[in-house]
C-alpha cells in the first residue's frame, strides 16, 4: 500500500502577508514622523505581527499518511492541524465545500470540522466515534485531488474503493 503525501497551496497567505506589511510600514512611517507612541503604535504593531504569523502558518495545506492516521496540517509552520486515526474512520466520500463553509480550520455546530486552504473540492470523513475535546464526528478536508485522497483512504480503511467519487 502506497503512502499518501500531498501539499496544496492557497493564495490567502499573500493577501494576509500584504496586509501585515502595510500595517508595519504605516507604524514605521508614523513613528518616524511623530515619534514612538506605545498607545497608538503598539496595537497596530501587534496586529501586523499577528497577520504575518498567520500568513506564515497558512501558506500550504499538507495531507499525509502517518502510518496509524491521516495528518492534516497547515504549513510551513505546522501549528494548526489535526490527525485522524484510520481506525476511527467509518466512511469516506468526495464532496463539495460550500461558500458558507469557507476556508481555514474551524468547527461547525453538530460536530463538523472544516479544514480547507483553497477551492471547494473536499473529502468527507465520518467517524465511528467522535474524538478530541470538541468531539468532531465529521471532517471536511479540502483538497485539489479529491479522487486520489478518497481512494487512498478507502484502501487504507478497507472500504470499497470502486464507489463513485461523488463529484
C-alpha atoms as a PDB file:
ATOM      1  CA  UNK A   1       0.000   0.000   0.000  1.00  0.00           C
ATOM      2  CA  UNK A   2       1.496   3.321  -1.068  1.00  0.00           C
ATOM      3  CA  UNK A   3       1.709   6.162   1.416  1.00  0.00           C
ATOM      4  CA  UNK A   4      -0.119   9.413   0.715  1.00  0.00           C
ATOM      5  CA  UNK A   5       1.557  12.815   0.896  1.00  0.00           C
ATOM      6  CA  UNK A   6       0.126  15.840  -0.894  1.00  0.00           C
ATOM      7  CA  UNK A   7       0.570  19.560  -0.382  1.00  0.00           C
ATOM      8  CA  UNK A   8      -1.885  22.109  -1.729  1.00  0.00           C
ATOM      9  CA  UNK A   9      -1.103  25.795  -1.999  1.00  0.00           C
ATOM     10  CA  UNK A  10      -3.565  28.609  -1.490  1.00  0.00           C
ATOM     11  CA  UNK A  11      -3.357  32.339  -2.243  1.00  0.00           C
ATOM     12  CA  UNK A  12      -4.746  33.714   1.031  1.00  0.00           C
ATOM     13  CA  UNK A  13      -1.338  33.965   2.703  1.00  0.00           C
ATOM     14  CA  UNK A  14      -0.215  36.520   0.104  1.00  0.00           C
ATOM     15  CA  UNK A  15      -3.105  38.834   0.978  1.00  0.00           C
ATOM     16  CA  UNK A  16      -2.588  38.318   4.713  1.00  0.00           C
ATOM     17  CA  UNK A  17       1.153  38.984   4.472  1.00  0.00           C
ATOM     18  CA  UNK A  18       0.494  42.059   2.328  1.00  0.00           C
ATOM     19  CA  UNK A  19      -1.880  43.494   4.918  1.00  0.00           C
ATOM     20  CA  UNK A  20       0.681  42.814   7.642  1.00  0.00           C
ATOM     21  CA  UNK A  21       3.403  44.537   5.634  1.00  0.00           C
ATOM     22  CA  UNK A  22       1.188  47.580   5.003  1.00  0.00           C
ATOM     23  CA  UNK A  23       0.497  47.862   8.730  1.00  0.00           C
ATOM     24  CA  UNK A  24       4.215  47.602   9.502  1.00  0.00           C
ATOM     25  CA  UNK A  25       5.007  50.360   7.013  1.00  0.00           C
ATOM     26  CA  UNK A  26       2.271  52.524   8.497  1.00  0.00           C
ATOM     27  CA  UNK A  27       3.649  52.077  12.015  1.00  0.00           C
ATOM     28  CA  UNK A  28       7.213  52.796  10.859  1.00  0.00           C
ATOM     29  CA  UNK A  29       6.169  55.913   8.954  1.00  0.00           C
ATOM     30  CA  UNK A  30       4.038  57.219  11.796  1.00  0.00           C
ATOM     31  CA  UNK A  31       6.727  56.512  14.402  1.00  0.00           C
ATOM     32  CA  UNK A  32       9.342  58.294  12.258  1.00  0.00           C
ATOM     33  CA  UNK A  33       7.114  61.367  11.881  1.00  0.00           C
ATOM     34  CA  UNK A  34       5.596  61.625  15.344  1.00  0.00           C
ATOM     35  CA  UNK A  35       7.939  59.538  17.490  1.00  0.00           C
ATOM     36  CA  UNK A  36       7.118  56.211  19.107  1.00  0.00           C
ATOM     37  CA  UNK A  37       3.845  56.347  20.998  1.00  0.00           C
ATOM     38  CA  UNK A  38       3.037  52.955  22.538  1.00  0.00           C
ATOM     39  CA  UNK A  39      -0.691  53.664  22.912  1.00  0.00           C
ATOM     40  CA  UNK A  40      -1.014  54.482  19.222  1.00  0.00           C
ATOM     41  CA  UNK A  41       1.588  52.218  17.627  1.00  0.00           C
ATOM     42  CA  UNK A  42       1.642  49.056  19.736  1.00  0.00           C
ATOM     43  CA  UNK A  43      -1.851  47.809  18.731  1.00  0.00           C
ATOM     44  CA  UNK A  44      -1.009  48.239  15.034  1.00  0.00           C
ATOM     45  CA  UNK A  45       2.360  46.570  15.519  1.00  0.00           C
ATOM     46  CA  UNK A  46       0.706  43.597  17.256  1.00  0.00           C
ATOM     47  CA  UNK A  47      -1.924  43.343  14.515  1.00  0.00           C
ATOM     48  CA  UNK A  48       0.803  43.374  11.846  1.00  0.00           C
ATOM     49  CA  UNK A  49       2.739  40.664  13.693  1.00  0.00           C
ATOM     50  CA  UNK A  50      -0.416  38.550  14.003  1.00  0.00           C
ATOM     51  CA  UNK A  51      -1.165  38.884  10.271  1.00  0.00           C
ATOM     52  CA  UNK A  52       2.414  37.979   9.315  1.00  0.00           C
ATOM     53  CA  UNK A  53       2.386  34.969  11.663  1.00  0.00           C
ATOM     54  CA  UNK A  54      -0.960  33.821  10.240  1.00  0.00           C
ATOM     55  CA  UNK A  55       0.426  34.138   6.707  1.00  0.00           C
ATOM     56  CA  UNK A  56       3.439  32.034   7.690  1.00  0.00           C
ATOM     57  CA  UNK A  57       1.181  29.347   9.177  1.00  0.00           C
ATOM     58  CA  UNK A  58      -1.309  29.060   6.302  1.00  0.00           C
ATOM     59  CA  UNK A  59       0.638  29.118   3.045  1.00  0.00           C
ATOM     60  CA  UNK A  60       0.027  25.416   2.321  1.00  0.00           C
ATOM     61  CA  UNK A  61      -2.141  22.514   3.464  1.00  0.00           C
ATOM     62  CA  UNK A  62      -0.311  19.205   3.773  1.00  0.00           C
ATOM     63  CA  UNK A  63      -2.262  15.958   3.968  1.00  0.00           C
ATOM     64  CA  UNK A  64      -0.186  12.864   4.601  1.00  0.00           C
ATOM     65  CA  UNK A  65      -0.196   9.303   5.835  1.00  0.00           C
ATOM     66  CA  UNK A  66       1.474   8.859   9.216  1.00  0.00           C
ATOM     67  CA  UNK A  67       1.053   5.098   9.471  1.00  0.00           C
ATOM     68  CA  UNK A  68      -1.752   4.988  12.033  1.00  0.00           C
ATOM     69  CA  UNK A  69      -3.633   8.084  10.914  1.00  0.00           C
ATOM     70  CA  UNK A  70      -4.068  10.889   8.429  1.00  0.00           C
ATOM     71  CA  UNK A  71      -2.267  14.101   9.323  1.00  0.00           C
ATOM     72  CA  UNK A  72      -3.804  17.348   8.042  1.00  0.00           C
ATOM     73  CA  UNK A  73      -1.642  20.405   8.775  1.00  0.00           C
ATOM     74  CA  UNK A  74      -1.241  23.949   7.574  1.00  0.00           C
ATOM     75  CA  UNK A  75       2.415  24.738   6.912  1.00  0.00           C
ATOM     76  CA  UNK A  76       5.242  25.837   6.725  1.00  0.00           C
ATOM     77  CA  UNK A  77       4.696  26.435  10.485  1.00  0.00           C
ATOM     78  CA  UNK A  78       2.698  23.306  11.415  1.00  0.00           C
ATOM     79  CA  UNK A  79       0.884  24.803  14.407  1.00  0.00           C
ATOM     80  CA  UNK A  80      -2.637  24.381  13.000  1.00  0.00           C
ATOM     81  CA  UNK A  81      -3.877  20.931  12.115  1.00  0.00           C
ATOM     82  CA  UNK A  82      -5.133  17.581  13.309  1.00  0.00           C
ATOM     83  CA  UNK A  83      -4.607  13.854  12.971  1.00  0.00           C
ATOM     84  CA  UNK A  84      -7.441  11.406  12.300  1.00  0.00           C
ATOM     85  CA  UNK A  85      -6.775   7.758  13.250  1.00  0.00           C
ATOM     86  CA  UNK A  86      -7.651   5.374  10.416  1.00  0.00           C
ATOM     87  CA  UNK A  87      -9.381   3.009  12.841  1.00  0.00           C
ATOM     88  CA  UNK A  88     -11.964   5.682  13.696  1.00  0.00           C
ATOM     89  CA  UNK A  89     -12.982   6.395  10.064  1.00  0.00           C
ATOM     90  CA  UNK A  90     -16.391   4.915   9.301  1.00  0.00           C
ATOM     91  CA  UNK A  91     -16.949   6.283   5.785  1.00  0.00           C
ATOM     92  CA  UNK A  92     -15.151   8.360   3.163  1.00  0.00           C
ATOM     93  CA  UNK A  93     -16.681  10.236   0.238  1.00  0.00           C
ATOM     94  CA  UNK A  94     -15.881  13.138  -2.061  1.00  0.00           C
ATOM     95  CA  UNK A  95     -17.948  16.260  -1.554  1.00  0.00           C
ATOM     96  CA  UNK A  96     -18.025  19.992  -2.196  1.00  0.00           C
ATOM     97  CA  UNK A  97     -17.435  22.621   0.448  1.00  0.00           C
ATOM     98  CA  UNK A  98     -19.916  25.462   0.256  1.00  0.00           C
ATOM     99  CA  UNK A  99     -19.013  29.131   0.303  1.00  0.00           C
ATOM    100  CA  UNK A 100     -20.588  29.246   3.751  1.00  0.00           C
ATOM    101  CA  UNK A 101     -18.121  26.596   4.983  1.00  0.00           C
ATOM    102  CA  UNK A 102     -15.298  28.804   3.739  1.00  0.00           C
ATOM    103  CA  UNK A 103     -11.574  28.390   4.157  1.00  0.00           C
ATOM    104  CA  UNK A 104      -9.302  27.856   7.104  1.00  0.00           C
ATOM    105  CA  UNK A 105      -9.781  25.493  10.039  1.00  0.00           C
ATOM    106  CA  UNK A 106     -12.965  25.839  12.034  1.00  0.00           C
ATOM    107  CA  UNK A 107     -15.699  23.831  13.663  1.00  0.00           C
ATOM    108  CA  UNK A 108     -19.410  23.984  12.965  1.00  0.00           C
ATOM    109  CA  UNK A 109     -22.348  23.091  15.191  1.00  0.00           C
ATOM    110  CA  UNK A 110     -23.228  19.429  15.031  1.00  0.00           C
ATOM    111  CA  UNK A 111     -19.635  18.212  15.301  1.00  0.00           C
ATOM    112  CA  UNK A 112     -18.231  19.114  11.870  1.00  0.00           C
ATOM    113  CA  UNK A 113     -14.656  20.348  11.351  1.00  0.00           C
ATOM    114  CA  UNK A 114     -13.684  22.094   8.091  1.00  0.00           C
ATOM    115  CA  UNK A 115     -10.018  22.230   7.055  1.00  0.00           C
ATOM    116  CA  UNK A 116      -9.555  23.934   3.695  1.00  0.00           C
ATOM    117  CA  UNK A 117      -6.978  26.221   2.120  1.00  0.00           C
ATOM    118  CA  UNK A 118      -8.487  26.912  -1.294  1.00  0.00           C
ATOM    119  CA  UNK A 119     -11.230  25.724  -3.602  1.00  0.00           C
ATOM    120  CA  UNK A 120     -14.402  23.773  -2.962  1.00  0.00           C
ATOM    121  CA  UNK A 121     -13.406  20.120  -3.572  1.00  0.00           C
ATOM    122  CA  UNK A 122     -13.118  18.060  -0.406  1.00  0.00           C
ATOM    123  CA  UNK A 123     -13.191  14.614   1.130  1.00  0.00           C
ATOM    124  CA  UNK A 124     -15.696  13.982   3.904  1.00  0.00           C
ATOM    125  CA  UNK A 125     -14.705  11.658   6.729  1.00  0.00           C
ATOM    126  CA  UNK A 126     -17.402  10.368   9.063  1.00  0.00           C
ATOM    127  CA  UNK A 127     -16.001   8.876  12.254  1.00  0.00           C
ATOM    128  CA  UNK A 128     -17.304   5.895  14.227  1.00  0.00           C
ATOM    129  CA  UNK A 129     -16.789   7.683  17.481  1.00  0.00           C
ATOM    130  CA  UNK A 130     -16.136  11.372  17.935  1.00  0.00           C
ATOM    131  CA  UNK A 131     -12.643  12.184  19.125  1.00  0.00           C
ATOM    132  CA  UNK A 132     -10.905  15.007  20.877  1.00  0.00           C
ATOM    133  CA  UNK A 133     -12.063  17.643  23.290  1.00  0.00           C
ATOM    134  CA  UNK A 134     -14.651  19.125  20.907  1.00  0.00           C
ATOM    135  CA  UNK A 135     -15.952  15.753  19.664  1.00  0.00           C
ATOM    136  CA  UNK A 136     -15.935  16.309  15.914  1.00  0.00           C
ATOM    137  CA  UNK A 137     -17.749  13.484  14.120  1.00  0.00           C
ATOM    138  CA  UNK A 138     -17.343  14.770  10.562  1.00  0.00           C
ATOM    139  CA  UNK A 139     -14.217  16.165   8.930  1.00  0.00           C
ATOM    140  CA  UNK A 140     -14.307  18.041   5.615  1.00  0.00           C
ATOM    141  CA  UNK A 141     -10.762  18.090   4.253  1.00  0.00           C
ATOM    142  CA  UNK A 142     -10.257  20.437   1.313  1.00  0.00           C
ATOM    143  CA  UNK A 143      -8.022  19.151  -1.453  1.00  0.00           C
ATOM    144  CA  UNK A 144      -7.257  19.718  -5.115  1.00  0.00           C
ATOM    145  CA  UNK A 145      -7.140  15.943  -5.694  1.00  0.00           C
ATOM    146  CA  UNK A 146     -10.242  14.534  -4.003  1.00  0.00           C
ATOM    147  CA  UNK A 147     -10.321  11.288  -6.005  1.00  0.00           C
ATOM    148  CA  UNK A 148      -6.768  10.337  -5.049  1.00  0.00           C
ATOM    149  CA  UNK A 149      -7.280  11.148  -1.362  1.00  0.00           C
ATOM    150  CA  UNK A 150     -10.601   9.316  -1.234  1.00  0.00           C
ATOM    151  CA  UNK A 151      -9.104   6.288  -3.000  1.00  0.00           C
ATOM    152  CA  UNK A 152      -6.166   6.179  -0.592  1.00  0.00           C
ATOM    153  CA  UNK A 153      -8.417   6.477   2.473  1.00  0.00           C
ATOM    154  CA  UNK A 154     -10.842   3.833   1.245  1.00  0.00           C
ATOM    155  CA  UNK A 155      -7.968   1.455   0.562  1.00  0.00           C
ATOM    156  CA  UNK A 156      -6.375   2.235   3.930  1.00  0.00           C
ATOM    157  CA  UNK A 157      -9.643   1.760   5.855  1.00  0.00           C
ATOM    158  CA  UNK A 158     -10.769  -1.317   3.884  1.00  0.00           C
ATOM    159  CA  UNK A 159     -13.779   0.305   2.249  1.00  0.00           C
ATOM    160  CA  UNK A 160     -14.946  -0.412  -1.304  1.00  0.00           C
ATOM    161  CA  UNK A 161     -12.711   1.793  -3.451  1.00  0.00           C
ATOM    162  CA  UNK A 162     -14.831   1.362  -6.574  1.00  0.00           C
ATOM    163  CA  UNK A 163     -17.656   3.688  -5.497  1.00  0.00           C
ATOM    164  CA  UNK A 164     -18.241   6.913  -7.422  1.00  0.00           C
ATOM    165  CA  UNK A 165     -16.273   9.965  -6.344  1.00  0.00           C
ATOM    166  CA  UNK A 166     -19.441  11.978  -5.785  1.00  0.00           C
ATOM    167  CA  UNK A 167     -18.301  14.897  -7.901  1.00  0.00           C
END
